[in-house]
Amino acid sequence: MKLIPLSTKFTYYCTEDGRIFREQKELKGWAHRENRSGKCYHRFGLYMKNGKRKFFFGQRLVAMCYHNLLLQPDRIVRHLTEDSFNNHKDAIIVGTHVENQTIDRIEAGTYMNRGGKHIEEDVGF
């Protein structure tokens, strides 16, 4: 278990398999519908020093602990599998939106160009 590197009211920890703890109690979080494709992601509310809750996706908290991700707006956490609930440290990687939209989808066979065809040449591969 690693300490989540945020300035919070309580002490929060993250495990390698993506579970989040406050002090010694595991947080359940909830499924949050993130995008139009219907993928859901685990979301957690952490209490900040000012007493207000701030919401984080589970994969982002894991990346903060195990992939040295600071809160950088231009970086996203990419799932290496199609399972959006798998927040194991080995199942996620930090990258860019372009990498997520092209490379990962080509490998998964779900990339479609604007015309709706599966074409790999569109991104230069």
Protein backbone atom coordinates (compact mmCIF):
# COMPACT_ATOMS: atom_id res chain seq x y z
CA MET A 1 0.00 0.00 0.00
CA LYS A 2 1.28 3.45 -0.92
CA LEU A 3 0.33 6.85 0.37
CA ILE A 4 -1.64 8.97 -2.13
CA PRO A 5 0.45 12.14 -2.60
CA LEU A 6 -2.28 14.73 -2.06
CA SER A 7 -2.81 17.35 0.62
CA THR A 8 -5.91 15.86 2.24
CA LYS A 9 -7.72 16.00 5.56
CA PHE A 10 -7.35 12.24 6.09
CA THR A 11 -4.62 9.81 5.13
CA TYR A 12 -5.46 7.93 1.92
CA TYR A 13 -3.68 4.88 0.54
CA CYS A 14 -3.75 2.96 -2.71
CA THR A 15 -2.94 -0.70 -3.32
CA GLU A 16 -1.32 -2.20 -6.42
CA ASP A 17 -4.64 -3.69 -7.49
CA GLY A 18 -6.41 -0.32 -7.40
CA ARG A 19 -8.21 -0.39 -4.06
CA ILE A 20 -8.39 2.93 -2.18
CA PHE A 21 -8.30 3.23 1.63
CA ARG A 22 -8.92 6.07 4.06
CA GLU A 23 -6.91 5.32 7.19
CA GLN A 24 -7.64 1.55 7.51
CA LYS A 25 -11.08 1.47 5.85
CA GLU A 26 -11.51 0.52 2.20
CA LEU A 27 -13.53 3.04 0.19
CA LYS A 28 -16.12 1.58 -2.14
CA GLY A 29 -16.33 4.47 -4.58
CA TRP A 30 -18.98 4.30 -7.28
CA ALA A 31 -19.32 3.66 -10.98
CA HIS A 32 -19.25 6.91 -12.90
CA ARG A 33 -20.36 7.04 -16.52
CA GLU A 34 -17.61 8.99 -18.19
CA ASN A 35 -18.26 9.09 -21.90
CA ARG A 36 -20.73 8.49 -24.70
CA SER A 37 -19.46 4.98 -25.30
CA GLY A 38 -20.97 4.02 -21.96
CA LYS A 39 -17.70 3.04 -20.26
CA CYS A 40 -17.83 3.39 -16.51
CA TYR A 41 -14.94 4.18 -14.22
CA HIS A 42 -14.48 3.95 -10.44
CA ARG A 43 -14.73 7.36 -8.81
CA PHE A 44 -13.81 8.35 -5.25
CA GLY A 45 -14.46 11.42 -3.12
CA LEU A 46 -11.46 12.47 -1.03
CA TYR A 47 -11.70 15.14 1.66
CA MET A 48 -9.23 17.94 1.10
CA LYS A 49 -7.65 20.08 3.86
CA ASN A 50 -10.41 22.71 3.56
CA GLY A 51 -13.03 20.06 4.42
CA LYS A 52 -14.52 19.88 0.91
CA ARG A 53 -14.64 16.70 -1.12
CA LYS A 54 -12.79 16.49 -4.41
CA PHE A 55 -13.59 13.66 -6.80
CA PHE A 56 -10.96 11.52 -8.49
CA PHE A 57 -11.10 8.55 -10.81
CA GLY A 58 -9.53 5.43 -9.32
CA GLN A 59 -7.08 4.97 -12.18
CA ARG A 60 -5.74 8.49 -11.63
CA LEU A 61 -5.12 7.83 -7.94
CA VAL A 62 -3.26 4.61 -8.79
CA ALA A 63 -1.18 6.48 -11.38
CA MET A 64 -0.29 9.12 -8.79
CA CYS A 65 1.06 6.43 -6.48
CA TYR A 66 2.71 3.96 -8.85
CA HIS A 67 3.47 5.92 -12.05
CA ASN A 68 4.55 9.25 -10.49
CA LEU A 69 1.71 11.14 -12.12
CA LEU A 70 1.15 14.58 -10.72
CA LEU A 71 -2.02 16.46 -11.55
CA GLN A 72 -1.05 17.48 -15.07
CA PRO A 73 -3.97 18.47 -17.26
CA ASP A 74 -2.33 17.33 -20.51
CA ARG A 75 -1.74 13.75 -19.29
CA ILE A 76 -4.40 11.09 -19.01
CA VAL A 77 -4.43 7.59 -17.58
CA ARG A 78 -4.87 4.95 -20.27
CA HIS A 79 -6.21 1.46 -19.62
CA LEU A 80 -4.17 -1.19 -21.40
CA THR A 81 -7.14 -3.55 -21.41
CA GLU A 82 -10.75 -2.92 -22.39
CA ASP A 83 -11.81 -3.38 -18.76
CA SER A 84 -12.32 0.14 -17.40
CA PHE A 85 -12.72 -1.19 -13.84
CA ASN A 86 -9.30 -2.86 -13.86
CA ASN A 87 -7.19 -0.28 -12.03
CA HIS A 88 -4.26 -2.58 -11.29
CA LYS A 89 -0.97 -0.68 -11.58
CA ASP A 90 0.15 -2.94 -14.44
CA ALA A 91 -3.12 -2.46 -16.37
CA ILE A 92 -2.82 1.33 -16.66
CA ILE A 93 -0.26 3.70 -18.13
CA VAL A 94 0.12 7.46 -18.29
CA GLY A 95 -0.14 8.94 -21.77
CA THR A 96 -1.82 11.49 -23.96
CA HIS A 97 -5.30 11.73 -25.41
CA VAL A 98 -3.92 11.13 -28.92
CA GLU A 99 -2.25 7.90 -27.82
CA ASN A 100 -5.48 6.77 -26.21
CA GLN A 101 -7.60 7.58 -29.26
CA THR A 102 -5.35 6.04 -31.89
CA ILE A 103 -2.69 3.56 -30.79
CA ASP A 104 -4.72 1.74 -28.15
CA ARG A 105 -7.82 1.55 -30.32
CA ILE A 106 -5.89 0.25 -33.32
CA GLU A 107 -4.41 -2.51 -31.18
CA ALA A 108 -7.86 -3.35 -29.79
CA GLY A 109 -9.44 -3.24 -33.25
CA THR A 110 -11.93 -0.54 -32.22
CA TYR A 111 -10.42 2.46 -34.05
CA MET A 112 -12.71 4.05 -36.65
CA ASN A 113 -11.97 7.06 -38.79
CA ARG A 114 -14.55 9.78 -39.37
CA GLY A 115 -16.10 7.81 -42.19
CA GLY A 116 -16.81 4.89 -39.90
CA LYS A 117 -14.31 2.49 -41.46
CA HIS A 118 -11.61 0.59 -39.60
CA ILE A 119 -8.51 2.08 -41.22
CA GLU A 120 -5.00 1.93 -39.77
CA GLU A 121 -3.43 4.16 -42.44
CA ASP A 122 -5.27 7.20 -41.07
CA VAL A 123 -2.80 7.55 -38.23
CA GLY A 124 0.32 6.63 -40.19
CA PHE A 125 0.95 3.08 -38.98
